PDB file of N, CA and C in Angstrom:
ATOM      1  N   MET A   1     -54.056  34.534  17.683  1.00  0.00           N
ATOM      2  CA  MET A   1     -54.067  33.258  18.069  1.00  0.00           C
ATOM      3  C   MET A   1     -55.658  33.394  18.976  1.00  0.00           C
ATOM      4  N   ALA A   2     -56.221  32.602  19.081  1.00  0.00           N
ATOM      5  CA  ALA A   2     -57.531  32.364  19.713  1.00  0.00           C
ATOM      6  C   ALA A   2     -57.617  31.765  20.954  1.00  0.00           C
ATOM      7  N   ILE A   3     -58.259  32.335  21.762  1.00  0.00           N
ATOM      8  CA  ILE A   3     -57.933  31.635  23.479  1.00  0.00           C
ATOM      9  C   ILE A   3     -59.717  30.926  23.692  1.00  0.00           C
ATOM     10  N   ASP A   4     -59.509  29.775  24.018  1.00  0.00           N
ATOM     11  CA  ASP A   4     -60.295  29.336  24.646  1.00  0.00           C
ATOM     12  C   ASP A   4     -60.935  29.092  25.769  1.00  0.00           C
ATOM     13  N   LEU A   5     -61.818  30.076  25.976  1.00  0.00           N
ATOM     14  CA  LEU A   5     -62.434  30.676  27.339  1.00  0.00           C
ATOM     15  C   LEU A   5     -63.192  29.238  28.479  1.00  0.00           C
ATOM     16  N   ILE A   6     -62.679  29.386  29.415  1.00  0.00           N
ATOM     17  CA  ILE A   6     -63.813  28.296  30.291  1.00  0.00           C
ATOM     18  C   ILE A   6     -64.666  28.876  31.113  1.00  0.00           C
ATOM     19  N   ALA A   7     -64.608  30.549  30.619  1.00  0.00           N
ATOM     20  CA  ALA A   7     -65.867  31.467  31.655  1.00  0.00           C
ATOM     21  C   ALA A   7     -65.893  32.837  31.337  1.00  0.00           C
ATOM     22  N   LYS A   8     -66.615  33.377  30.957  1.00  0.00           N
ATOM     23  CA  LYS A   8     -66.484  35.132  31.231  1.00  0.00           C
ATOM     24  C   LYS A   8     -67.554  35.311  31.903  1.00  0.00           C
ATOM     25  N   PHE A   9     -67.122  36.427  32.834  1.00  0.00           N
ATOM     26  CA  PHE A   9     -67.687  37.110  33.603  1.00  0.00           C
ATOM     27  C   PHE A   9     -67.424  38.698  33.351  1.00  0.00           C
ATOM     28  N   SER A  10     -68.762  39.562  33.589  1.00  0.00           N
ATOM     29  CA  SER A  10     -68.647  41.045  33.324  1.00  0.00           C
ATOM     30  C   SER A  10     -68.758  41.671  34.571  1.00  0.00           C
ATOM     31  N   VAL A  11     -67.979  42.679  35.228  1.00  0.00           N
ATOM     32  CA  VAL A  11     -68.822  43.606  36.261  1.00  0.00           C
ATOM     33  C   VAL A  11     -68.294  45.271  36.013  1.00  0.00           C
ATOM     34  N   ILE A  12     -69.412  45.862  36.463  1.00  0.00           N
ATOM     35  CA  ILE A  12     -69.360  47.574  36.054  1.00  0.00           C
ATOM     36  C   ILE A  12     -69.331  48.271  37.524  1.00  0.00           C
ATOM     37  N   ARG A  13     -69.420  47.525  38.647  1.00  0.00           N
ATOM     38  CA  ARG A  13     -69.516  48.513  39.907  1.00  0.00           C
ATOM     39  C   ARG A  13     -68.835  47.645  41.095  1.00  0.00           C
ATOM     40  N   PRO A  14     -67.920  48.698  41.796  1.00  0.00           N
ATOM     41  CA  PRO A  14     -67.859  48.204  43.024  1.00  0.00           C
ATOM     42  C   PRO A  14     -68.697  47.125  43.634  1.00  0.00           C
ATOM     43  N   LEU A  15     -68.307  46.603  44.636  1.00  0.00           N
ATOM     44  CA  LEU A  15     -69.650  45.939  45.557  1.00  0.00           C
ATOM     45  C   LEU A  15     -69.054  46.119  47.239  1.00  0.00           C
ATOM     46  N   ASP A  16     -70.079  46.817  47.640  1.00  0.00           N
ATOM     47  CA  ASP A  16     -69.367  46.400  49.044  1.00  0.00           C
ATOM     48  C   ASP A  16     -69.297  45.522  49.604  1.00  0.00           C
ATOM     49  N   LEU A  17     -68.072  44.915  50.516  1.00  0.00           N
ATOM     50  CA  LEU A  17     -67.826  43.983  50.988  1.00  0.00           C
ATOM     51  C   LEU A  17     -68.933  43.456  51.966  1.00  0.00           C
ATOM     52  N   GLU A  18     -69.437  43.611  53.101  1.00  0.00           N
ATOM     53  CA  GLU A  18     -70.555  43.646  53.770  1.00  0.00           C
ATOM     54  C   GLU A  18     -71.800  43.075  52.874  1.00  0.00           C
ATOM     55  N   GLU A  19     -71.884  43.300  51.361  1.00  0.00           N
ATOM     56  CA  GLU A  19     -73.142  42.704  50.546  1.00  0.00           C
ATOM     57  C   GLU A  19     -73.202  42.022  50.342  1.00  0.00           C
ATOM     58  N   ALA A  20     -71.393  41.869  49.996  1.00  0.00           N
ATOM     59  CA  ALA A  20     -70.851  40.527  49.006  1.00  0.00           C
ATOM     60  C   ALA A  20     -70.521  39.438  50.267  1.00  0.00           C
ATOM     61  N   GLU A  21     -70.585  39.489  51.707  1.00  0.00           N
ATOM     62  CA  GLU A  21     -70.243  38.332  52.508  1.00  0.00           C
ATOM     63  C   GLU A  21     -71.367  37.531  52.749  1.00  0.00           C
ATOM     64  N   PRO A  22     -72.804  38.208  52.605  1.00  0.00           N
ATOM     65  CA  PRO A  22     -73.785  36.875  53.264  1.00  0.00           C
ATOM     66  C   PRO A  22     -73.707  35.589  51.710  1.00  0.00           C
ATOM     67  N   VAL A  23     -73.770  36.480  50.261  1.00  0.00           N
ATOM     68  CA  VAL A  23     -73.304  35.492  49.242  1.00  0.00           C
ATOM     69  C   VAL A  23     -72.636  34.262  49.072  1.00  0.00           C
ATOM     70  N   PHE A  24     -71.230  34.743  49.500  1.00  0.00           N
ATOM     71  CA  PHE A  24     -70.096  34.130  49.201  1.00  0.00           C
ATOM     72  C   PHE A  24     -69.182  33.270  50.885  1.00  0.00           C
ATOM     73  N   ALA A  25     -70.192  33.405  52.044  1.00  0.00           N
ATOM     74  CA  ALA A  25     -69.955  32.951  53.402  1.00  0.00           C
ATOM     75  C   ALA A  25     -69.801  31.590  53.276  1.00  0.00           C
ATOM     76  N   PRO A  26     -70.618  30.724  52.431  1.00  0.00           N
ATOM     77  CA  PRO A  26     -70.648  29.845  52.601  1.00  0.00           C
ATOM     78  C   PRO A  26     -69.110  29.171  52.001  1.00  0.00           C
ATOM     79  N   PHE A  27     -68.575  29.360  51.115  1.00  0.00           N
ATOM     80  CA  PHE A  27     -67.872  29.754  50.515  1.00  0.00           C
ATOM     81  C   PHE A  27     -66.399  29.450  50.815  1.00  0.00           C
ATOM     82  N   LEU A  28     -66.420  30.291  51.998  1.00  0.00           N
ATOM     83  CA  LEU A  28     -65.363  31.068  52.689  1.00  0.00           C
ATOM     84  C   LEU A  28     -64.471  29.650  53.621  1.00  0.00           C
ATOM     85  N   ALA A  29     -63.386  29.496  53.622  1.00  0.00           N
ATOM     86  CA  ALA A  29     -62.429  28.860  54.625  1.00  0.00           C
ATOM     87  C   ALA A  29     -62.956  29.860  56.035  1.00  0.00           C
ATOM     88  N   ALA A  30     -62.480  29.321  57.150  1.00  0.00           N
ATOM     89  CA  ALA A  30     -62.778  30.000  58.321  1.00  0.00           C
ATOM     90  C   ALA A  30     -61.863  31.211  58.517  1.00  0.00           C
ATOM     91  N   ASP A  31     -60.890  31.058  58.173  1.00  0.00           N
ATOM     92  CA  ASP A  31     -59.780  32.407  58.316  1.00  0.00           C
ATOM     93  C   ASP A  31     -59.944  33.212  56.510  1.00  0.00           C
ATOM     94  N   GLU A  32     -60.797  32.849  55.843  1.00  0.00           N
ATOM     95  CA  GLU A  32     -60.563  33.830  54.889  1.00  0.00           C
ATOM     96  C   GLU A  32     -61.764  34.855  54.367  1.00  0.00           C
ATOM     97  N   LYS A  33     -61.231  36.007  54.191  1.00  0.00           N
ATOM     98  CA  LYS A  33     -61.736  37.226  54.152  1.00  0.00           C
ATOM     99  C   LYS A  33     -61.980  37.579  52.328  1.00  0.00           C
ATOM    100  N   ILE A  34     -63.002  38.080  52.133  1.00  0.00           N
ATOM    101  CA  ILE A  34     -62.945  38.791  50.985  1.00  0.00           C
ATOM    102  C   ILE A  34     -62.425  40.326  50.791  1.00  0.00           C
ATOM    103  N   GLN A  35     -61.868  40.615  49.868  1.00  0.00           N
ATOM    104  CA  GLN A  35     -61.062  41.914  49.765  1.00  0.00           C
ATOM    105  C   GLN A  35     -61.295  42.603  48.913  1.00  0.00           C
ATOM    106  N   LEU A  36     -61.755  42.161  47.733  1.00  0.00           N
ATOM    107  CA  LEU A  36     -62.190  42.919  46.603  1.00  0.00           C
ATOM    108  C   LEU A  36     -63.602  42.480  46.091  1.00  0.00           C
ATOM    109  N   ALA A  37     -64.855  43.074  45.689  1.00  0.00           N
ATOM    110  CA  ALA A  37     -65.674  42.461  45.517  1.00  0.00           C
ATOM    111  C   ALA A  37     -66.144  43.538  44.254  1.00  0.00           C
ATOM    112  N   PHE A  38     -67.185  42.799  43.278  1.00  0.00           N
ATOM    113  CA  PHE A  38     -67.557  43.759  41.899  1.00  0.00           C
ATOM    114  C   PHE A  38     -68.809  42.885  41.700  1.00  0.00           C
ATOM    115  N   ALA A  39     -69.552  44.030  40.493  1.00  0.00           N
ATOM    116  CA  ALA A  39     -71.197  43.573  40.756  1.00  0.00           C
ATOM    117  C   ALA A  39     -71.292  43.849  39.461  1.00  0.00           C
ATOM    118  N   ASN A  40     -72.370  43.285  38.546  1.00  0.00           N
ATOM    119  CA  ASN A  40     -73.127  43.716  37.410  1.00  0.00           C
ATOM    120  C   ASN A  40     -74.566  43.392  37.729  1.00  0.00           C
ATOM    121  N   VAL A  41     -75.217  43.416  37.115  1.00  0.00           N
ATOM    122  CA  VAL A  41     -77.258  43.667  37.305  1.00  0.00           C
ATOM    123  C   VAL A  41     -77.003  42.365  38.325  1.00  0.00           C
ATOM    124  N   ARG A  42     -76.656  41.397  38.129  1.00  0.00           N
ATOM    125  CA  ARG A  42     -77.083  39.900  39.044  1.00  0.00           C
ATOM    126  C   ARG A  42     -75.452  39.283  39.210  1.00  0.00           C
ATOM    127  N   ASP A  43     -74.961  39.587  37.957  1.00  0.00           N
ATOM    128  CA  ASP A  43     -73.388  38.664  38.760  1.00  0.00           C
ATOM    129  C   ASP A  43     -72.581  39.351  39.412  1.00  0.00           C
ATOM    130  N   GLN A  44     -71.437  38.320  40.384  1.00  0.00           N
ATOM    131  CA  GLN A  44     -70.517  38.985  40.777  1.00  0.00           C
ATOM    132  C   GLN A  44     -69.498  38.572  41.245  1.00  0.00           C
ATOM    133  N   VAL A  45     -68.504  39.016  41.451  1.00  0.00           N
ATOM    134  CA  VAL A  45     -67.268  38.541  41.551  1.00  0.00           C
ATOM    135  C   VAL A  45     -66.483  38.955  42.638  1.00  0.00           C
ATOM    136  N   VAL A  46     -65.739  37.825  43.492  1.00  0.00           N
ATOM    137  CA  VAL A  46     -65.039  38.671  44.436  1.00  0.00           C
ATOM    138  C   VAL A  46     -63.798  38.067  44.486  1.00  0.00           C
ATOM    139  N   PHE A  47     -62.584  38.617  44.874  1.00  0.00           N
ATOM    140  CA  PHE A  47     -61.077  38.625  45.211  1.00  0.00           C
ATOM    141  C   PHE A  47     -61.142  38.297  46.953  1.00  0.00           C
ATOM    142  N   THR A  48     -60.718  36.799  47.217  1.00  0.00           N
ATOM    143  CA  THR A  48     -60.747  36.610  48.987  1.00  0.00           C
ATOM    144  C   THR A  48     -59.012  36.893  49.055  1.00  0.00           C
ATOM    145  N   ASP A  49     -58.723  36.703  49.789  1.00  0.00           N
ATOM    146  CA  ASP A  49     -57.076  36.254  49.802  1.00  0.00           C
ATOM    147  C   ASP A  49     -56.845  34.966  49.937  1.00  0.00           C
ATOM    148  N   LYS A  50     -57.546  33.698  49.274  1.00  0.00           N
ATOM    149  CA  LYS A  50     -56.873  33.020  48.661  1.00  0.00           C
ATOM    150  C   LYS A  50     -57.508  32.548  47.285  1.00  0.00           C
ATOM    151  N   LYS A  51     -58.955  33.408  46.940  1.00  0.00           N
ATOM    152  CA  LYS A  51     -59.065  32.962  45.201  1.00  0.00           C
ATOM    153  C   LYS A  51     -60.166  33.790  44.948  1.00  0.00           C
ATOM    154  N   ILE A  52     -60.527  33.675  43.592  1.00  0.00           N
ATOM    155  CA  ILE A  52     -61.510  34.350  43.465  1.00  0.00           C
ATOM    156  C   ILE A  52     -62.808  33.597  43.274  1.00  0.00           C
ATOM    157  N   ILE A  53     -63.900  33.983  43.349  1.00  0.00           N
ATOM    158  CA  ILE A  53     -65.370  33.193  43.289  1.00  0.00           C
ATOM    159  C   ILE A  53     -65.758  34.173  42.588  1.00  0.00           C
ATOM    160  N   ALA A  54     -66.329  33.749  41.324  1.00  0.00           N
ATOM    161  CA  ALA A  54     -67.236  34.498  40.593  1.00  0.00           C
ATOM    162  C   ALA A  54     -68.808  33.634  40.387  1.00  0.00           C
ATOM    163  N   LEU A  55     -69.815  34.352  40.421  1.00  0.00           N
ATOM    164  CA  LEU A  55     -70.892  34.198  40.649  1.00  0.00           C
ATOM    165  C   LEU A  55     -71.741  34.401  39.613  1.00  0.00           C
ATOM    166  N   ASP A  56     -72.475  33.674  38.845  1.00  0.00           N
ATOM    167  CA  ASP A  56     -73.207  33.869  37.715  1.00  0.00           C
ATOM    168  C   ASP A  56     -74.936  33.237  38.143  1.00  0.00           C
ATOM    169  N   VAL A  57     -75.484  34.384  38.075  1.00  0.00           N
ATOM    170  CA  VAL A  57     -77.132  34.165  38.323  1.00  0.00           C
ATOM    171  C   VAL A  57     -77.662  34.114  37.364  1.00  0.00           C
ATOM    172  N   GLN A  58     -78.348  32.635  36.935  1.00  0.00           N
ATOM    173  CA  GLN A  58     -78.631  32.377  35.602  1.00  0.00           C
ATOM    174  C   GLN A  58     -80.637  32.227  35.849  1.00  0.00           C
ATOM    175  N   GLY A  59     -80.923  32.242  34.701  1.00  0.00           N
ATOM    176  CA  GLY A  59     -82.721  32.135  34.702  1.00  0.00           C
ATOM    177  C   GLY A  59     -83.594  33.222  34.709  1.00  0.00           C
ATOM    178  N   PHE A  60     -84.471  33.150  34.277  1.00  0.00           N
ATOM    179  CA  PHE A  60     -85.402  34.362  34.687  1.00  0.00           C
ATOM    180  C   PHE A  60     -85.431  35.009  36.006  1.00  0.00           C
ATOM    181  N   THR A  61     -85.818  33.798  36.891  1.00  0.00           N
ATOM    182  CA  THR A  61     -85.733  34.379  38.274  1.00  0.00           C
ATOM    183  C   THR A  61     -84.876  34.557  38.835  1.00  0.00           C
ATOM    184  N   GLY A  62     -83.773  34.003  38.639  1.00  0.00           N
ATOM    185  CA  GLY A  62     -82.277  34.257  39.063  1.00  0.00           C
ATOM    186  C   GLY A  62     -82.376  33.464  40.508  1.00  0.00           C
ATOM    187  N   THR A  63     -82.757  32.132  40.574  1.00  0.00           N
ATOM    188  CA  THR A  63     -82.648  31.168  41.730  1.00  0.00           C
ATOM    189  C   THR A  63     -81.428  30.141  41.304  1.00  0.00           C
ATOM    190  N   LYS A  64     -81.505  30.164  40.058  1.00  0.00           N
ATOM    191  CA  LYS A  64     -80.140  29.394  39.744  1.00  0.00           C
ATOM    192  C   LYS A  64     -78.717  30.111  39.529  1.00  0.00           C
ATOM    193  N   ARG A  65     -77.713  29.366  40.364  1.00  0.00           N
ATOM    194  CA  ARG A  65     -76.891  30.309  40.968  1.00  0.00           C
ATOM    195  C   ARG A  65     -75.226  29.329  40.643  1.00  0.00           C
ATOM    196  N   ASP A  66     -74.444  29.620  39.392  1.00  0.00           N
ATOM    197  CA  ASP A  66     -73.349  28.792  39.456  1.00  0.00           C
ATOM    198  C   ASP A  66     -72.004  29.611  39.889  1.00  0.00           C
ATOM    199  N   TYR A  67     -71.567  28.821  40.845  1.00  0.00           N
ATOM    200  CA  TYR A  67     -70.247  29.430  41.511  1.00  0.00           C
ATOM    201  C   TYR A  67     -69.081  28.965  40.692  1.00  0.00           C
ATOM    202  N   ARG A  68     -68.152  29.643  40.101  1.00  0.00           N
ATOM    203  CA  ARG A  68     -66.823  29.233  40.048  1.00  0.00           C
ATOM    204  C   ARG A  68     -65.620  29.810  40.674  1.00  0.00           C
ATOM    205  N   PHE A  69     -65.059  28.911  41.055  1.00  0.00           N
ATOM    206  CA  PHE A  69     -63.575  28.746  42.360  1.00  0.00           C
ATOM    207  C   PHE A  69     -62.242  28.426  41.086  1.00  0.00           C
ATOM    208  N   PHE A  70     -61.500  30.073  41.495  1.00  0.00           N
ATOM    209  CA  PHE A  70     -60.493  29.947  40.760  1.00  0.00           C
ATOM    210  C   PHE A  70     -59.066  30.315  41.827  1.00  0.00           C
ATOM    211  N   PRO A  71     -58.492  29.064  42.395  1.00  0.00           N
ATOM    212  CA  PRO A  71     -57.505  29.235  43.467  1.00  0.00           C
ATOM    213  C   PRO A  71     -56.345  30.353  43.057  1.00  0.00           C
ATOM    214  N   TYR A  72     -55.821  31.116  43.547  1.00  0.00           N
ATOM    215  CA  TYR A  72     -54.934  31.828  42.920  1.00  0.00           C
ATOM    216  C   TYR A  72     -53.406  30.571  43.231  1.00  0.00           C
ATOM    217  N   SER A  73     -53.186  29.871  43.480  1.00  0.00           N
ATOM    218  CA  SER A  73     -52.563  28.777  43.408  1.00  0.00           C
ATOM    219  C   SER A  73     -51.855  28.051  42.051  1.00  0.00           C
ATOM    220  N   LYS A  74     -53.320  28.197  41.682  1.00  0.00           N
ATOM    221  CA  LYS A  74     -53.163  27.295  40.059  1.00  0.00           C
ATOM    222  C   LYS A  74     -53.167  28.267  38.853  1.00  0.00           C
ATOM    223  N   ILE A  75     -53.412  29.730  39.432  1.00  0.00           N
ATOM    224  CA  ILE A  75     -53.602  30.713  38.635  1.00  0.00           C
ATOM    225  C   ILE A  75     -51.524  30.987  37.966  1.00  0.00           C
ATOM    226  N   THR A  76     -51.377  30.691  36.191  1.00  0.00           N
ATOM    227  CA  THR A  76     -49.830  30.703  35.921  1.00  0.00           C
ATOM    228  C   THR A  76     -49.526  32.006  35.021  1.00  0.00           C
ATOM    229  N   SER A  77     -50.715  32.717  34.461  1.00  0.00           N
ATOM    230  CA  SER A  77     -50.617  34.124  34.498  1.00  0.00           C
ATOM    231  C   SER A  77     -52.002  34.672  34.370  1.00  0.00           C
ATOM    232  N   PHE A  78     -51.225  35.908  33.702  1.00  0.00           N
ATOM    233  CA  PHE A  78     -52.707  36.588  33.731  1.00  0.00           C
ATOM    234  C   PHE A  78     -52.405  38.023  32.567  1.00  0.00           C
ATOM    235  N   SER A  79     -53.568  38.460  32.212  1.00  0.00           N
ATOM    236  CA  SER A  79     -53.301  39.920  31.345  1.00  0.00           C
ATOM    237  C   SER A  79     -54.720  40.995  31.549  1.00  0.00           C
ATOM    238  N   VAL A  80     -53.633  42.005  31.507  1.00  0.00           N
ATOM    239  CA  VAL A  80     -54.609  43.527  31.476  1.00  0.00           C
ATOM    240  C   VAL A  80     -55.055  44.092  30.456  1.00  0.00           C
ATOM    241  N   GLU A  81     -55.777  44.335  29.992  1.00  0.00           N
ATOM    242  CA  GLU A  81     -55.891  45.062  28.724  1.00  0.00           C
ATOM    243  C   GLU A  81     -56.838  45.988  29.132  1.00  0.00           C
ATOM    244  N   THR A  82     -56.277  47.273  29.493  1.00  0.00           N
ATOM    245  CA  THR A  82     -57.353  48.707  29.521  1.00  0.00           C
ATOM    246  C   THR A  82     -58.121  48.857  28.467  1.00  0.00           C
ATOM    247  N   ALA A  83     -58.836  49.805  29.067  1.00  0.00           N
ATOM    248  CA  ALA A  83     -60.346  50.208  28.054  1.00  0.00           C
ATOM    249  C   ALA A  83     -59.788  51.576  27.613  1.00  0.00           C
ATOM    250  N   GLY A  84     -59.984  51.451  25.888  1.00  0.00           N
ATOM    251  CA  GLY A  84     -59.205  52.376  25.254  1.00  0.00           C
ATOM    252  C   GLY A  84     -60.471  53.616  25.245  1.00  0.00           C
ATOM    253  N   THR A  85     -60.308  54.757  24.216  1.00  0.00           N
ATOM    254  CA  THR A  85     -61.149  55.892  24.446  1.00  0.00           C
ATOM    255  C   THR A  85     -62.765  55.051  23.968  1.00  0.00           C
ATOM    256  N   PHE A  86     -63.082  54.559  23.263  1.00  0.00           N
ATOM    257  CA  PHE A  86     -64.590  54.690  22.744  1.00  0.00           C
ATOM    258  C   PHE A  86     -64.717  52.727  23.242  1.00  0.00           C
ATOM    259  N   ASP A  87     -63.958  52.302  24.231  1.00  0.00           N
ATOM    260  CA  ASP A  87     -64.511  51.148  25.014  1.00  0.00           C
ATOM    261  C   ASP A  87     -64.982  51.046  26.067  1.00  0.00           C
ATOM    262  N   LEU A  88     -66.233  50.146  26.366  1.00  0.00           N
ATOM    263  CA  LEU A  88     -67.049  50.799  27.497  1.00  0.00           C
ATOM    264  C   LEU A  88     -66.297  49.419  29.031  1.00  0.00           C
ATOM    265  N   ASP A  89     -65.300  48.603  28.592  1.00  0.00           N
ATOM    266  CA  ASP A  89     -64.214  47.882  29.617  1.00  0.00           C
ATOM    267  C   ASP A  89     -63.360  47.636  29.381  1.00  0.00           C
ATOM    268  N   ALA A  90     -62.726  47.143  30.119  1.00  0.00           N
ATOM    269  CA  ALA A  90     -61.057  46.708  30.467  1.00  0.00           C
ATOM    270  C   ALA A  90     -61.288  45.070  30.516  1.00  0.00           C
ATOM    271  N   ASP A  91     -60.405  44.338  29.943  1.00  0.00           N
ATOM    272  CA  ASP A  91     -60.014  42.909  29.839  1.00  0.00           C
ATOM    273  C   ASP A  91     -59.247  42.204  30.684  1.00  0.00           C
ATOM    274  N   PHE A  92     -59.686  41.521  31.573  1.00  0.00           N
ATOM    275  CA  PHE A  92     -58.696  40.958  32.530  1.00  0.00           C
ATOM    276  C   PHE A  92     -59.092  39.327  32.526  1.00  0.00           C
ATOM    277  N   LYS A  93     -58.118  38.945  31.582  1.00  0.00           N
ATOM    278  CA  LYS A  93     -57.686  37.253  31.097  1.00  0.00           C
ATOM    279  C   LYS A  93     -56.782  37.002  32.411  1.00  0.00           C
ATOM    280  N   ILE A  94     -57.423  35.130  32.973  1.00  0.00           N
ATOM    281  CA  ILE A  94     -56.263  34.546  33.686  1.00  0.00           C
ATOM    282  C   ILE A  94     -56.087  32.975  32.935  1.00  0.00           C
ATOM    283  N   TRP A  95     -55.445  32.747  33.623  1.00  0.00           N
ATOM    284  CA  TRP A  95     -55.132  31.242  33.111  1.00  0.00           C
ATOM    285  C   TRP A  95     -54.893  30.371  34.262  1.00  0.00           C
ATOM    286  N   LEU A  96     -55.424  29.257  34.177  1.00  0.00           N
ATOM    287  CA  LEU A  96     -55.019  27.973  35.222  1.00  0.00           C
ATOM    288  C   LEU A  96     -54.178  26.882  35.013  1.00  0.00           C
ATOM    289  N   SER A  97     -53.477  26.359  35.601  1.00  0.00           N
ATOM    290  CA  SER A  97     -53.048  25.036  35.193  1.00  0.00           C
ATOM    291  C   SER A  97     -54.131  24.518  35.074  1.00  0.00           C
ATOM    292  N   GLY A  98     -54.220  23.207  33.864  1.00  0.00           N
ATOM    293  CA  GLY A  98     -54.962  22.062  34.081  1.00  0.00           C
ATOM    294  C   GLY A  98     -56.483  22.681  33.735  1.00  0.00           C
ATOM    295  N   VAL A  99     -56.697  24.104  33.623  1.00  0.00           N
ATOM    296  CA  VAL A  99     -58.090  24.341  33.383  1.00  0.00           C
ATOM    297  C   VAL A  99     -58.481  25.240  32.119  1.00  0.00           C
ATOM    298  N   GLY A 100     -57.462  26.026  32.071  1.00  0.00           N
ATOM    299  CA  GLY A 100     -57.551  26.959  30.724  1.00  0.00           C
ATOM    300  C   GLY A 100     -57.847  28.483  31.371  1.00  0.00           C
ATOM    301  N   CYS A 101     -58.558  29.086  30.380  1.00  0.00           N
ATOM    302  CA  CYS A 101     -58.332  30.929  30.683  1.00  0.00           C
ATOM    303  C   CYS A 101     -59.793  31.223  30.889  1.00  0.00           C
ATOM    304  N   PHE A 102     -59.916  32.064  32.045  1.00  0.00           N
ATOM    305  CA  PHE A 102     -61.352  32.858  31.921  1.00  0.00           C
ATOM    306  C   PHE A 102     -61.149  34.550  32.261  1.00  0.00           C
ATOM    307  N   GLU A 103     -61.975  34.661  31.771  1.00  0.00           N
ATOM    308  CA  GLU A 103     -61.947  36.406  31.162  1.00  0.00           C
ATOM    309  C   GLU A 103     -63.193  37.253  32.319  1.00  0.00           C
ATOM    310  N   ILE A 104     -62.630  37.768  33.036  1.00  0.00           N
ATOM    311  CA  ILE A 104     -63.600  39.261  33.406  1.00  0.00           C
ATOM    312  C   ILE A 104     -63.549  40.528  33.226  1.00  0.00           C
ATOM    313  N   LYS A 105     -64.495  40.928  32.056  1.00  0.00           N
ATOM    314  CA  LYS A 105     -64.499  42.405  31.933  1.00  0.00           C
ATOM    315  C   LYS A 105     -65.200  43.268  32.798  1.00  0.00           C
ATOM    316  N   PHE A 106     -64.467  43.879  33.010  1.00  0.00           N
ATOM    317  CA  PHE A 106     -64.208  45.455  34.035  1.00  0.00           C
ATOM    318  C   PHE A 106     -64.883  46.482  33.448  1.00  0.00           C
ATOM    319  N   GLY A 107     -65.722  47.180  33.974  1.00  0.00           N
ATOM    320  CA  GLY A 107     -66.219  48.376  33.384  1.00  0.00           C
ATOM    321  C   GLY A 107     -65.130  49.594  33.368  1.00  0.00           C
ATOM    322  N   LYS A 108     -65.567  50.636  32.910  1.00  0.00           N
ATOM    323  CA  LYS A 108     -64.467  51.178  32.547  1.00  0.00           C
ATOM    324  C   LYS A 108     -64.143  52.558  33.442  1.00  0.00           C
ATOM    325  N   ALA A 109     -64.984  52.348  34.752  1.00  0.00           N
ATOM    326  CA  ALA A 109     -64.632  53.180  35.649  1.00  0.00           C
ATOM    327  C   ALA A 109     -63.976  52.405  36.611  1.00  0.00           C
ATOM    328  N   LEU A 110     -63.842  51.092  36.786  1.00  0.00           N
ATOM    329  CA  LEU A 110     -62.791  50.112  38.027  1.00  0.00           C
ATOM    330  C   LEU A 110     -61.620  50.425  37.404  1.00  0.00           C
ATOM    331  N   ASP A 111     -60.973  50.891  38.325  1.00  0.00           N
ATOM    332  CA  ASP A 111     -59.378  50.722  38.307  1.00  0.00           C
ATOM    333  C   ASP A 111     -58.434  49.371  38.169  1.00  0.00           C
ATOM    334  N   ILE A 112     -58.544  48.830  36.465  1.00  0.00           N
ATOM    335  CA  ILE A 112     -58.023  47.801  36.482  1.00  0.00           C
ATOM    336  C   ILE A 112     -56.619  47.568  36.699  1.00  0.00           C
ATOM    337  N   ILE A 113     -55.777  48.441  36.663  1.00  0.00           N
ATOM    338  CA  ILE A 113     -54.656  48.690  36.760  1.00  0.00           C
ATOM    339  C   ILE A 113     -54.448  48.155  38.488  1.00  0.00           C
ATOM    340  N   ALA A 114     -54.965  48.855  39.212  1.00  0.00           N
ATOM    341  CA  ALA A 114     -55.293  48.268  41.108  1.00  0.00           C
ATOM    342  C   ALA A 114     -55.625  47.026  41.168  1.00  0.00           C
ATOM    343  N   ILE A 115     -56.222  46.504  40.390  1.00  0.00           N
ATOM    344  CA  ILE A 115     -57.093  45.073  40.746  1.00  0.00           C
ATOM    345  C   ILE A 115     -55.908  44.019  40.011  1.00  0.00           C
ATOM    346  N   GLY A 116     -55.257  44.557  38.892  1.00  0.00           N
ATOM    347  CA  GLY A 116     -53.831  43.637  38.243  1.00  0.00           C
ATOM    348  C   GLY A 116     -52.872  43.963  39.547  1.00  0.00           C
ATOM    349  N   LYS A 117     -52.222  44.620  40.190  1.00  0.00           N
ATOM    350  CA  LYS A 117     -51.545  44.530  41.332  1.00  0.00           C
ATOM    351  C   LYS A 117     -51.899  44.058  42.043  1.00  0.00           C
ATOM    352  N   PHE A 118     -53.043  44.009  42.733  1.00  0.00           N
ATOM    353  CA  PHE A 118     -53.635  43.215  43.547  1.00  0.00           C
ATOM    354  C   PHE A 118     -53.099  41.398  42.899  1.00  0.00           C
ATOM    355  N   LEU A 119     -53.695  41.076  42.118  1.00  0.00           N
ATOM    356  CA  LEU A 119     -53.673  39.762  41.554  1.00  0.00           C
ATOM    357  C   LEU A 119     -52.278  39.595  41.606  1.00  0.00           C
ATOM    358  N   ALA A 120     -51.103  39.979  41.028  1.00  0.00           N
ATOM    359  CA  ALA A 120     -50.048  39.792  40.885  1.00  0.00           C
ATOM    360  C   ALA A 120     -49.213  39.978  42.357  1.00  0.00           C
ATOM    361  N   GLY A 121     -49.773  40.219  43.335  1.00  0.00           N
ATOM    362  CA  GLY A 121     -49.465  40.045  45.060  1.00  0.00           C
ATOM    363  C   GLY A 121     -49.738  38.955  45.129  1.00  0.00           C
ATOM    364  N   LYS A 122     -50.670  38.265  44.848  1.00  0.00           N
ATOM    365  CA  LYS A 122     -51.473  36.918  45.010  1.00  0.00           C
ATOM    366  C   LYS A 122     -50.669  35.752  44.676  1.00  0.00           C
ATOM    367  N   ILE A 123     -50.033  35.896  43.133  1.00  0.00           N
ATOM    368  CA  ILE A 123     -49.676  34.873  42.802  1.00  0.00           C
ATOM    369  C   ILE A 123     -48.337  34.457  42.718  1.00  0.00           C
ATOM    370  N   HIS A 124     -47.914  33.293  42.842  1.00  0.00           N
ATOM    371  CA  HIS A 124     -46.270  33.387  42.904  1.00  0.00           C
ATOM    372  C   HIS A 124     -45.410  32.687  41.632  1.00  0.00           C
TER     373      HIS A 124
END
């Protein structure tokens, strides 16, 4: 069965929370904190205590930025596909009520099981 993705992001390394803070601070509620952060060359994905925010940096100069917000309250299900022997990344698919599915590809070195456990604790 084919999945219609609304967005696809790829991250390969952990990002220091202090480095992520100024990038995402304008989009955080007063009491909201970033708990996990990951990056690729220019793109970033953070998990706060309320939502997932994905940043897609676009264009040659990188001045165009597309922020996507995925509240935990809208997540209906998710799947975790670990990387195999010859895979470079693990797949994390998340379905949101009324929106569809988005995917985050995590580099093989990242602990996809721990990320899945974190998300499982956030959705009800």
